[in-house]
Amino acid sequence: MGFALSLILFGLVRLSCADVAEEPEPPQRRFNTAEMADAVMGTVHSPAGIQQLIPRELQDSVLGEPCAEEEQPEEARDTGETHSQNQSQNFTEAAKTYKVTCDLRNTSAVQRFAVQVLNASQDLMELLNANGSECSLVLFYTPWCQFSASLAPHFNALPRVFPSMHFLALDASQHSSLSTRFGTVAVPNILLFQGAKPMARFNQTERTLETLTSFIANQTGFEASPDQAVEEDDREGPLPAAPVRSIDWLFVFSVLFISGFTLYAILCTDSIRWLIPGQDHEHQE
């Protein structure tokens, strides 16, 4: 009887222990600080284990939903692109540098803007300020050249367009030393001076007021004066618009020299034959 009672008590104890016993918990995963920060900020997809560390009622407010890129309206995108282009254009214009830095000419005492034509006795270097930074545009021309005459009306109008510069013209046949010094082998030839130093040469084949204006603006940065309108009187300046008929004494002297030498060679033909070696000479007895 006592043995049976002991078996019953032992069975009851086993049943109670089986109800109370729980399954062993799986090993808990450890996460470093960076993974937890990524899970909270929503920068990466959080593992299910990390989300379990955050209370369920706070997950929606803390984690939130993945952010989606908002599509901007087409007008806003166009406005942004235009603004970027304007900024790049302004930066390009600000970064643009000109080849010649010119000081503005003092025009307070100038009554009429015109080209100054040098005569045979004037020296170009005396008119150019060697110690200054004012710019001058110098034209090498000849009165009898048809191309110089075609350029004259356009060059005469330049002082009206750029009153802050000096404009000079000289006859290349009367100033041959200056033509050699600055490499002027053909006329018309235009040089841009800063003080007394040549800085640029006009090399375009089309010589008009527009091309000359563009050349000056690209080299110096000067803009055409908007309040100075070019009139017909400005084009009829000191430079002649028609070739001047005159005697070219240098050409006349060259023709006379060649003609005289040819005549002398013809008259002395028999004498020259005696000087050529290997010729059979006839002797009179």
C-alpha atoms as a PDB file:
ATOM      1  CA  MET A   1       0.000   0.000   0.000  1.00  0.00           C
ATOM      2  CA  GLY A   2       2.777   2.390   0.858  1.00  0.00           C
ATOM      3  CA  PHE A   3       4.654   1.453  -2.322  1.00  0.00           C
ATOM      4  CA  ALA A   4       1.629   2.250  -4.533  1.00  0.00           C
ATOM      5  CA  LEU A   5       1.155   5.606  -2.854  1.00  0.00           C
ATOM      6  CA  SER A   6       4.791   6.463  -3.552  1.00  0.00           C
ATOM      7  CA  LEU A   7       4.384   5.685  -7.284  1.00  0.00           C
ATOM      8  CA  ILE A   8       1.341   7.965  -7.521  1.00  0.00           C
ATOM      9  CA  LEU A   9       3.200  10.872  -5.872  1.00  0.00           C
ATOM     10  CA  PHE A  10       6.215  10.367  -8.196  1.00  0.00           C
ATOM     11  CA  GLY A  11       3.954  10.469 -11.278  1.00  0.00           C
ATOM     12  CA  LEU A  12       2.268  13.687 -10.165  1.00  0.00           C
ATOM     13  CA  VAL A  13       5.662  15.331  -9.667  1.00  0.00           C
ATOM     14  CA  ARG A  14       6.814  14.359 -13.228  1.00  0.00           C
ATOM     15  CA  LEU A  15       3.631  15.800 -14.764  1.00  0.00           C
ATOM     16  CA  SER A  16       4.014  19.105 -12.965  1.00  0.00           C
ATOM     17  CA  CYS A  17       7.687  19.326 -13.981  1.00  0.00           C
ATOM     18  CA  ALA A  18       6.800  18.627 -17.642  1.00  0.00           C
ATOM     19  CA  ASP A  19       4.207  21.456 -17.672  1.00  0.00           C
ATOM     20  CA  VAL A  20       6.581  23.902 -16.086  1.00  0.00           C
ATOM     21  CA  ALA A  21       9.572  23.036 -18.314  1.00  0.00           C
ATOM     22  CA  GLU A  22      10.025  25.381 -21.309  1.00  0.00           C
ATOM     23  CA  GLU A  23      11.851  24.878 -24.531  1.00  0.00           C
ATOM     24  CA  PRO A  24      15.407  26.196 -24.512  1.00  0.00           C
ATOM     25  CA  GLU A  25      15.675  29.743 -26.015  1.00  0.00           C
ATOM     26  CA  PRO A  26      17.732  30.100 -29.175  1.00  0.00           C
ATOM     27  CA  PRO A  27      20.957  32.065 -28.822  1.00  0.00           C
ATOM     28  CA  GLN A  28      20.262  35.792 -29.177  1.00  0.00           C
ATOM     29  CA  ARG A  29      22.063  37.530 -32.030  1.00  0.00           C
ATOM     30  CA  ARG A  30      24.230  40.530 -31.247  1.00  0.00           C
ATOM     31  CA  PHE A  31      24.199  43.617 -33.468  1.00  0.00           C
ATOM     32  CA  ASN A  32      26.786  46.340 -33.627  1.00  0.00           C
ATOM     33  CA  THR A  33      26.036  50.039 -33.346  1.00  0.00           C
ATOM     34  CA  ALA A  34      26.202  50.721 -37.117  1.00  0.00           C
ATOM     35  CA  GLU A  35      23.583  48.056 -37.917  1.00  0.00           C
ATOM     36  CA  MET A  36      21.239  49.396 -35.265  1.00  0.00           C
ATOM     37  CA  ALA A  37      21.684  52.959 -36.572  1.00  0.00           C
ATOM     38  CA  ASP A  38      20.949  51.842 -40.125  1.00  0.00           C
ATOM     39  CA  ALA A  39      17.832  50.063 -38.921  1.00  0.00           C
ATOM     40  CA  VAL A  40      16.567  53.136 -37.084  1.00  0.00           C
ATOM     41  CA  MET A  41      17.373  55.589 -39.942  1.00  0.00           C
ATOM     42  CA  GLY A  42      15.920  53.275 -42.561  1.00  0.00           C
ATOM     43  CA  THR A  43      18.973  53.504 -44.832  1.00  0.00           C
ATOM     44  CA  VAL A  44      19.118  49.731 -45.348  1.00  0.00           C
ATOM     45  CA  HIS A  45      16.634  46.922 -45.031  1.00  0.00           C
ATOM     46  CA  SER A  46      16.673  45.980 -41.362  1.00  0.00           C
ATOM     47  CA  PRO A  47      16.817  42.334 -40.402  1.00  0.00           C
ATOM     48  CA  ALA A  48      13.793  40.959 -38.624  1.00  0.00           C
ATOM     49  CA  GLY A  49      15.891  40.469 -35.495  1.00  0.00           C
ATOM     50  CA  ILE A  50      16.802  44.156 -35.278  1.00  0.00           C
ATOM     51  CA  GLN A  51      13.213  45.260 -35.805  1.00  0.00           C
ATOM     52  CA  GLN A  52      12.200  43.033 -32.911  1.00  0.00           C
ATOM     53  CA  LEU A  53      14.438  45.099 -30.642  1.00  0.00           C
ATOM     54  CA  ILE A  54      12.127  48.104 -31.227  1.00  0.00           C
ATOM     55  CA  PRO A  55       8.686  48.044 -29.625  1.00  0.00           C
ATOM     56  CA  ARG A  56       5.926  47.274 -32.129  1.00  0.00           C
ATOM     57  CA  GLU A  57       3.954  50.418 -31.350  1.00  0.00           C
ATOM     58  CA  LEU A  58       7.056  52.541 -32.124  1.00  0.00           C
ATOM     59  CA  GLN A  59       8.230  50.733 -35.274  1.00  0.00           C
ATOM     60  CA  ASP A  60       5.985  52.685 -37.641  1.00  0.00           C
ATOM     61  CA  SER A  61       6.943  56.070 -36.176  1.00  0.00           C
ATOM     62  CA  VAL A  62      10.656  55.265 -35.924  1.00  0.00           C
ATOM     63  CA  LEU A  63      11.303  53.217 -39.040  1.00  0.00           C
ATOM     64  CA  GLY A  64       8.627  54.707 -41.228  1.00  0.00           C
ATOM     65  CA  GLU A  65       8.146  53.779 -44.851  1.00  0.00           C
ATOM     66  CA  PRO A  66      10.877  53.785 -47.480  1.00  0.00           C
ATOM     67  CA  CYS A  67      11.307  57.202 -49.003  1.00  0.00           C
ATOM     68  CA  ALA A  68      10.432  57.622 -52.660  1.00  0.00           C
ATOM     69  CA  GLU A  69      11.886  60.284 -54.941  1.00  0.00           C
ATOM     70  CA  GLU A  70       9.379  62.969 -55.680  1.00  0.00           C
ATOM     71  CA  GLU A  71       8.958  63.802 -59.319  1.00  0.00           C
ATOM     72  CA  GLN A  72       9.364  67.491 -59.979  1.00  0.00           C
ATOM     73  CA  PRO A  73       7.014  69.184 -62.413  1.00  0.00           C
ATOM     74  CA  GLU A  74       8.365  69.726 -65.914  1.00  0.00           C
ATOM     75  CA  GLU A  75       8.253  73.510 -65.502  1.00  0.00           C
ATOM     76  CA  ALA A  76      10.346  73.298 -62.341  1.00  0.00           C
ATOM     77  CA  ARG A  77      12.936  71.153 -64.122  1.00  0.00           C
ATOM     78  CA  ASP A  78      13.078  73.568 -67.038  1.00  0.00           C
ATOM     79  CA  THR A  79      13.498  76.489 -64.664  1.00  0.00           C
ATOM     80  CA  GLY A  80      16.315  74.696 -62.857  1.00  0.00           C
ATOM     81  CA  GLU A  81      18.094  73.861 -66.097  1.00  0.00           C
ATOM     82  CA  THR A  82      17.789  77.462 -67.306  1.00  0.00           C
ATOM     83  CA  HIS A  83      19.157  78.731 -64.002  1.00  0.00           C
ATOM     84  CA  SER A  84      22.121  76.344 -64.236  1.00  0.00           C
ATOM     85  CA  GLN A  85      22.849  77.454 -67.798  1.00  0.00           C
ATOM     86  CA  ASN A  86      22.718  81.111 -66.787  1.00  0.00           C
ATOM     87  CA  GLN A  87      25.094  80.463 -63.910  1.00  0.00           C
ATOM     88  CA  SER A  88      27.555  78.642 -66.182  1.00  0.00           C
ATOM     89  CA  GLN A  89      27.308  81.425 -68.782  1.00  0.00           C
ATOM     90  CA  ASN A  90      27.929  84.100 -66.163  1.00  0.00           C
ATOM     91  CA  PHE A  91      30.901  82.146 -64.874  1.00  0.00           C
ATOM     92  CA  THR A  92      32.299  81.837 -68.404  1.00  0.00           C
ATOM     93  CA  GLU A  93      31.917  85.561 -69.047  1.00  0.00           C
ATOM     94  CA  ALA A  94      33.544  86.390 -65.725  1.00  0.00           C
ATOM     95  CA  ALA A  95      36.437  84.037 -66.436  1.00  0.00           C
ATOM     96  CA  LYS A  96      36.977  85.383 -69.961  1.00  0.00           C
ATOM     97  CA  THR A  97      40.153  87.398 -70.251  1.00  0.00           C
ATOM     98  CA  TYR A  98      41.115  89.731 -73.056  1.00  0.00           C
ATOM     99  CA  LYS A  99      44.496  89.880 -74.731  1.00  0.00           C
ATOM    100  CA  VAL A 100      45.011  93.617 -74.327  1.00  0.00           C
ATOM    101  CA  THR A 101      44.174  95.632 -71.209  1.00  0.00           C
ATOM    102  CA  CYS A 102      43.552  99.198 -72.327  1.00  0.00           C
ATOM    103  CA  ASP A 103      42.988 102.353 -70.330  1.00  0.00           C
ATOM    104  CA  LEU A 104      40.157 104.617 -71.390  1.00  0.00           C
ATOM    105  CA  ARG A 105      41.082 107.716 -73.335  1.00  0.00           C
ATOM    106  CA  ASN A 106      40.216 111.075 -71.815  1.00  0.00           C
ATOM    107  CA  THR A 107      37.634 112.509 -74.187  1.00  0.00           C
ATOM    108  CA  SER A 108      36.602 115.575 -72.183  1.00  0.00           C
ATOM    109  CA  ALA A 109      38.534 117.986 -74.444  1.00  0.00           C
ATOM    110  CA  VAL A 110      37.804 116.205 -77.737  1.00  0.00           C
ATOM    111  CA  GLN A 111      35.326 118.063 -79.925  1.00  0.00           C
ATOM    112  CA  ARG A 112      35.305 115.803 -82.979  1.00  0.00           C
ATOM    113  CA  PHE A 113      36.343 112.173 -83.163  1.00  0.00           C
ATOM    114  CA  ALA A 114      38.363 111.549 -86.308  1.00  0.00           C
ATOM    115  CA  VAL A 115      41.346 109.603 -87.624  1.00  0.00           C
ATOM    116  CA  GLN A 116      44.680 111.366 -87.318  1.00  0.00           C
ATOM    117  CA  VAL A 117      46.701 111.050 -90.532  1.00  0.00           C
ATOM    118  CA  LEU A 118      50.475 111.384 -90.165  1.00  0.00           C
ATOM    119  CA  ASN A 119      52.459 113.417 -92.652  1.00  0.00           C
ATOM    120  CA  ALA A 120      55.970 112.610 -93.852  1.00  0.00           C
ATOM    121  CA  SER A 121      57.664 114.574 -91.052  1.00  0.00           C
ATOM    122  CA  GLN A 122      55.702 113.094 -88.134  1.00  0.00           C
ATOM    123  CA  ASP A 123      56.934 110.087 -86.203  1.00  0.00           C
ATOM    124  CA  LEU A 124      54.501 107.444 -85.020  1.00  0.00           C
ATOM    125  CA  MET A 125      56.476 106.743 -81.850  1.00  0.00           C
ATOM    126  CA  GLU A 126      56.096 110.352 -80.759  1.00  0.00           C
ATOM    127  CA  LEU A 127      52.310 110.167 -81.015  1.00  0.00           C
ATOM    128  CA  LEU A 128      52.071 106.873 -79.135  1.00  0.00           C
ATOM    129  CA  ASN A 129      52.432 107.208 -75.371  1.00  0.00           C
ATOM    130  CA  ALA A 130      55.165 104.710 -74.503  1.00  0.00           C
ATOM    131  CA  ASN A 131      54.553 105.091 -70.751  1.00  0.00           C
ATOM    132  CA  GLY A 132      50.775 104.754 -70.924  1.00  0.00           C
ATOM    133  CA  SER A 133      48.329 101.904 -71.440  1.00  0.00           C
ATOM    134  CA  GLU A 134      45.940 103.599 -73.831  1.00  0.00           C
ATOM    135  CA  CYS A 135      45.303 101.645 -77.020  1.00  0.00           C
ATOM    136  CA  SER A 136      45.662 102.887 -80.582  1.00  0.00           C
ATOM    137  CA  LEU A 137      44.668 101.336 -83.891  1.00  0.00           C
ATOM    138  CA  VAL A 138      47.164 102.208 -86.654  1.00  0.00           C
ATOM    139  CA  LEU A 139      46.494 101.797 -90.362  1.00  0.00           C
ATOM    140  CA  PHE A 140      49.336 101.432 -92.875  1.00  0.00           C
ATOM    141  CA  TYR A 141      48.005 102.432 -96.301  1.00  0.00           C
ATOM    142  CA  THR A 142      48.985 104.000 -99.611  1.00  0.00           C
ATOM    143  CA  PRO A 143      46.838 106.622-101.402  1.00  0.00           C
ATOM    144  CA  TRP A 144      47.027 104.860-104.788  1.00  0.00           C
ATOM    145  CA  CYS A 145      45.967 101.412-103.447  1.00  0.00           C
ATOM    146  CA  GLN A 146      42.421 100.384-104.363  1.00  0.00           C
ATOM    147  CA  PHE A 147      42.099  98.165-101.266  1.00  0.00           C
ATOM    148  CA  SER A 148      43.163 101.021 -98.990  1.00  0.00           C
ATOM    149  CA  ALA A 149      40.557 103.257-100.623  1.00  0.00           C
ATOM    150  CA  SER A 150      37.841 100.626-100.072  1.00  0.00           C
ATOM    151  CA  LEU A 151      38.772 100.353 -96.390  1.00  0.00           C
ATOM    152  CA  ALA A 152      38.873 104.131 -95.820  1.00  0.00           C
ATOM    153  CA  PRO A 153      35.133 104.770 -95.118  1.00  0.00           C
ATOM    154  CA  HIS A 154      34.999 101.968 -92.535  1.00  0.00           C
ATOM    155  CA  PHE A 155      38.192 103.057 -90.792  1.00  0.00           C
ATOM    156  CA  ASN A 156      37.043 106.694 -90.786  1.00  0.00           C
ATOM    157  CA  ALA A 157      33.918 105.695 -88.815  1.00  0.00           C
ATOM    158  CA  LEU A 158      35.757 103.814 -86.048  1.00  0.00           C
ATOM    159  CA  PRO A 159      36.468 106.897 -83.845  1.00  0.00           C
ATOM    160  CA  ARG A 160      32.718 107.433 -83.612  1.00  0.00           C
ATOM    161  CA  VAL A 161      32.149 103.834 -82.488  1.00  0.00           C
ATOM    162  CA  PHE A 162      35.082 103.707 -80.026  1.00  0.00           C
ATOM    163  CA  PRO A 163      35.733 107.231 -78.728  1.00  0.00           C
ATOM    164  CA  SER A 164      37.933 105.878 -75.921  1.00  0.00           C
ATOM    165  CA  MET A 165      40.686 104.808 -78.363  1.00  0.00           C
ATOM    166  CA  HIS A 166      43.160 106.526 -80.683  1.00  0.00           C
ATOM    167  CA  PHE A 167      43.027 105.942 -84.447  1.00  0.00           C
ATOM    168  CA  LEU A 168      46.035 106.781 -86.600  1.00  0.00           C
ATOM    169  CA  ALA A 169      46.876 106.316 -90.288  1.00  0.00           C
ATOM    170  CA  LEU A 170      50.171 106.704 -92.133  1.00  0.00           C
ATOM    171  CA  ASP A 171      51.343 106.410 -95.691  1.00  0.00           C
ATOM    172  CA  ALA A 172      53.537 103.315 -95.867  1.00  0.00           C
ATOM    173  CA  SER A 173      55.470 104.703 -98.828  1.00  0.00           C
ATOM    174  CA  GLN A 174      56.501 107.755 -96.782  1.00  0.00           C
ATOM    175  CA  HIS A 175      57.286 105.767 -93.612  1.00  0.00           C
ATOM    176  CA  SER A 176      59.199 102.814 -95.043  1.00  0.00           C
ATOM    177  CA  SER A 177      61.280 102.408 -91.874  1.00  0.00           C
ATOM    178  CA  LEU A 178      58.140 101.857 -89.777  1.00  0.00           C
ATOM    179  CA  SER A 179      56.784  99.419 -92.337  1.00  0.00           C
ATOM    180  CA  THR A 180      59.989  97.401 -92.105  1.00  0.00           C
ATOM    181  CA  ARG A 181      60.070  97.624 -88.324  1.00  0.00           C
ATOM    182  CA  PHE A 182      56.562  96.235 -87.863  1.00  0.00           C
ATOM    183  CA  GLY A 183      56.651  93.729 -90.736  1.00  0.00           C
ATOM    184  CA  THR A 184      54.213  95.517 -93.010  1.00  0.00           C
ATOM    185  CA  VAL A 185      54.813  93.835 -96.365  1.00  0.00           C
ATOM    186  CA  ALA A 186      51.421  94.660 -97.894  1.00  0.00           C
ATOM    187  CA  VAL A 187      48.813  97.366 -97.564  1.00  0.00           C
ATOM    188  CA  PRO A 188      46.358  97.958 -96.076  1.00  0.00           C
ATOM    189  CA  ASN A 189      47.687  96.651 -92.759  1.00  0.00           C
ATOM    190  CA  ILE A 190      46.151  97.320 -89.328  1.00  0.00           C
ATOM    191  CA  LEU A 191      47.982  96.986 -86.003  1.00  0.00           C
ATOM    192  CA  LEU A 192      46.667  97.371 -82.454  1.00  0.00           C
ATOM    193  CA  PHE A 193      49.088  99.129 -80.085  1.00  0.00           C
ATOM    194  CA  GLN A 194      49.093  99.319 -76.305  1.00  0.00           C
ATOM    195  CA  GLY A 195      51.180 102.371 -75.625  1.00  0.00           C
ATOM    196  CA  ALA A 196      54.064 101.993 -78.103  1.00  0.00           C
ATOM    197  CA  LYS A 197      53.980  98.191 -78.163  1.00  0.00           C
ATOM    198  CA  PRO A 198      52.230  96.323 -81.017  1.00  0.00           C
ATOM    199  CA  MET A 199      49.841  93.726 -79.577  1.00  0.00           C
ATOM    200  CA  ALA A 200      47.691  92.313 -82.395  1.00  0.00           C
ATOM    201  CA  ARG A 201      47.286  92.420 -86.162  1.00  0.00           C
ATOM    202  CA  PHE A 202      44.026  92.446 -88.115  1.00  0.00           C
ATOM    203  CA  ASN A 203      44.211  89.450 -90.477  1.00  0.00           C
ATOM    204  CA  GLN A 204      40.665  89.098 -91.806  1.00  0.00           C
ATOM    205  CA  THR A 205      40.105  89.376 -95.536  1.00  0.00           C
ATOM    206  CA  GLU A 206      36.748  91.153 -95.132  1.00  0.00           C
ATOM    207  CA  ARG A 207      37.510  94.703 -94.025  1.00  0.00           C
ATOM    208  CA  THR A 208      34.236  96.279 -92.925  1.00  0.00           C
ATOM    209  CA  LEU A 209      33.070  98.327 -89.960  1.00  0.00           C
ATOM    210  CA  GLU A 210      31.475  95.215 -88.430  1.00  0.00           C
ATOM    211  CA  THR A 211      34.624  93.081 -88.658  1.00  0.00           C
ATOM    212  CA  LEU A 212      36.801  95.896 -87.335  1.00  0.00           C
ATOM    213  CA  THR A 213      34.393  96.440 -84.436  1.00  0.00           C
ATOM    214  CA  SER A 214      34.429  92.732 -83.627  1.00  0.00           C
ATOM    215  CA  PHE A 215      38.240  92.689 -83.739  1.00  0.00           C
ATOM    216  CA  ILE A 216      38.542  95.577 -81.280  1.00  0.00           C
ATOM    217  CA  ALA A 217      35.920  94.131 -78.945  1.00  0.00           C
ATOM    218  CA  ASN A 218      37.574  90.683 -78.864  1.00  0.00           C
ATOM    219  CA  GLN A 219      41.034  92.094 -78.239  1.00  0.00           C
ATOM    220  CA  THR A 220      40.289  94.849 -75.721  1.00  0.00           C
ATOM    221  CA  GLY A 221      36.831  94.110 -74.318  1.00  0.00           C
ATOM    222  CA  PHE A 222      35.593  97.569 -75.326  1.00  0.00           C
ATOM    223  CA  GLU A 223      31.974  97.720 -76.442  1.00  0.00           C
ATOM    224  CA  ALA A 224      30.670  99.942 -79.170  1.00  0.00           C
ATOM    225  CA  SER A 225      29.292 103.189 -77.793  1.00  0.00           C
ATOM    226  CA  PRO A 226      25.482 102.952 -77.981  1.00  0.00           C
ATOM    227  CA  ASP A 227      24.956 106.728 -77.977  1.00  0.00           C
ATOM    228  CA  GLN A 228      27.339 107.356 -80.871  1.00  0.00           C
ATOM    229  CA  ALA A 229      25.491 106.684 -84.113  1.00  0.00           C
ATOM    230  CA  VAL A 230      27.647 106.493 -87.244  1.00  0.00           C
ATOM    231  CA  GLU A 231      26.697 109.135 -89.796  1.00  0.00           C
ATOM    232  CA  GLU A 232      27.698 109.621 -93.402  1.00  0.00           C
ATOM    233  CA  ASP A 233      29.975 112.500 -92.438  1.00  0.00           C
ATOM    234  CA  ASP A 234      31.956 110.111 -90.250  1.00  0.00           C
ATOM    235  CA  ARG A 235      32.642 107.839 -93.220  1.00  0.00           C
ATOM    236  CA  GLU A 236      33.896 110.778 -95.272  1.00  0.00           C
ATOM    237  CA  GLY A 237      36.847 111.271 -92.984  1.00  0.00           C
ATOM    238  CA  PRO A 238      40.410 112.290 -93.736  1.00  0.00           C
ATOM    239  CA  LEU A 239      41.294 109.039 -95.530  1.00  0.00           C
ATOM    240  CA  PRO A 240      40.404 109.200 -99.237  1.00  0.00           C
ATOM    241  CA  ALA A 241      37.742 106.763-100.402  1.00  0.00           C
ATOM    242  CA  ALA A 242      39.092 106.783-103.992  1.00  0.00           C
ATOM    243  CA  PRO A 243      42.606 105.989-105.205  1.00  0.00           C
ATOM    244  CA  VAL A 244      44.726 109.075-105.713  1.00  0.00           C
ATOM    245  CA  ARG A 245      46.292 109.293-109.135  1.00  0.00           C
ATOM    246  CA  SER A 246      49.906 110.307-108.740  1.00  0.00           C
ATOM    247  CA  ILE A 247      53.327 109.579-110.209  1.00  0.00           C
ATOM    248  CA  ASP A 248      55.194 106.763-108.543  1.00  0.00           C
ATOM    249  CA  TRP A 249      58.729 108.035-108.866  1.00  0.00           C
ATOM    250  CA  LEU A 250      60.195 104.842-107.477  1.00  0.00           C
ATOM    251  CA  PHE A 251      58.524 102.857-110.242  1.00  0.00           C
ATOM    252  CA  VAL A 252      59.730 105.356-112.873  1.00  0.00           C
ATOM    253  CA  PHE A 253      63.301 105.127-111.618  1.00  0.00           C
ATOM    254  CA  SER A 254      63.163 101.308-111.662  1.00  0.00           C
ATOM    255  CA  VAL A 255      61.937 101.275-115.276  1.00  0.00           C
ATOM    256  CA  LEU A 256      64.640 103.716-116.369  1.00  0.00           C
ATOM    257  CA  PHE A 257      67.350 101.714-114.630  1.00  0.00           C
ATOM    258  CA  ILE A 258      66.297  98.424-116.222  1.00  0.00           C
ATOM    259  CA  SER A 259      65.959 100.018-119.654  1.00  0.00           C
ATOM    260  CA  GLY A 260      69.401 101.615-119.453  1.00  0.00           C
ATOM    261  CA  PHE A 261      71.060  98.399-118.352  1.00  0.00           C
ATOM    262  CA  THR A 262      69.398  96.453-121.179  1.00  0.00           C
ATOM    263  CA  LEU A 263      70.521  99.016-123.782  1.00  0.00           C
ATOM    264  CA  TYR A 264      74.078  98.945-122.478  1.00  0.00           C
ATOM    265  CA  ALA A 265      74.165  95.125-122.671  1.00  0.00           C
ATOM    266  CA  ILE A 266      72.989  95.196-126.275  1.00  0.00           C
ATOM    267  CA  LEU A 267      75.619  97.770-127.318  1.00  0.00           C
ATOM    268  CA  CYS A 268      78.389  95.871-125.583  1.00  0.00           C
ATOM    269  CA  THR A 269      77.510  92.440-126.964  1.00  0.00           C
ATOM    270  CA  ASP A 270      80.653  92.181-129.121  1.00  0.00           C
ATOM    271  CA  SER A 271      82.830  93.272-126.233  1.00  0.00           C
ATOM    272  CA  ILE A 272      81.246  90.692-123.940  1.00  0.00           C
ATOM    273  CA  ARG A 273      82.026  87.903-126.384  1.00  0.00           C
ATOM    274  CA  TRP A 274      85.740  88.614-126.064  1.00  0.00           C
ATOM    275  CA  LEU A 275      85.449  88.063-122.317  1.00  0.00           C
ATOM    276  CA  ILE A 276      83.822  84.623-122.576  1.00  0.00           C
ATOM    277  CA  PRO A 277      86.499  81.858-122.345  1.00  0.00           C
ATOM    278  CA  GLY A 278      86.551  79.125-124.990  1.00  0.00           C
ATOM    279  CA  GLN A 279      85.351  81.350-127.821  1.00  0.00           C
ATOM    280  CA  ASP A 280      87.315  81.414-131.126  1.00  0.00           C
ATOM    281  CA  HIS A 281      88.479  84.939-131.724  1.00  0.00           C
ATOM    282  CA  GLU A 282      89.287  86.243-135.223  1.00  0.00           C
ATOM    283  CA  HIS A 283      92.505  88.300-135.551  1.00  0.00           C
ATOM    284  CA  GLN A 284      93.016  90.722-138.342  1.00  0.00           C
ATOM    285  CA  GLU A 285      96.465  90.562-140.002  1.00  0.00           C
END
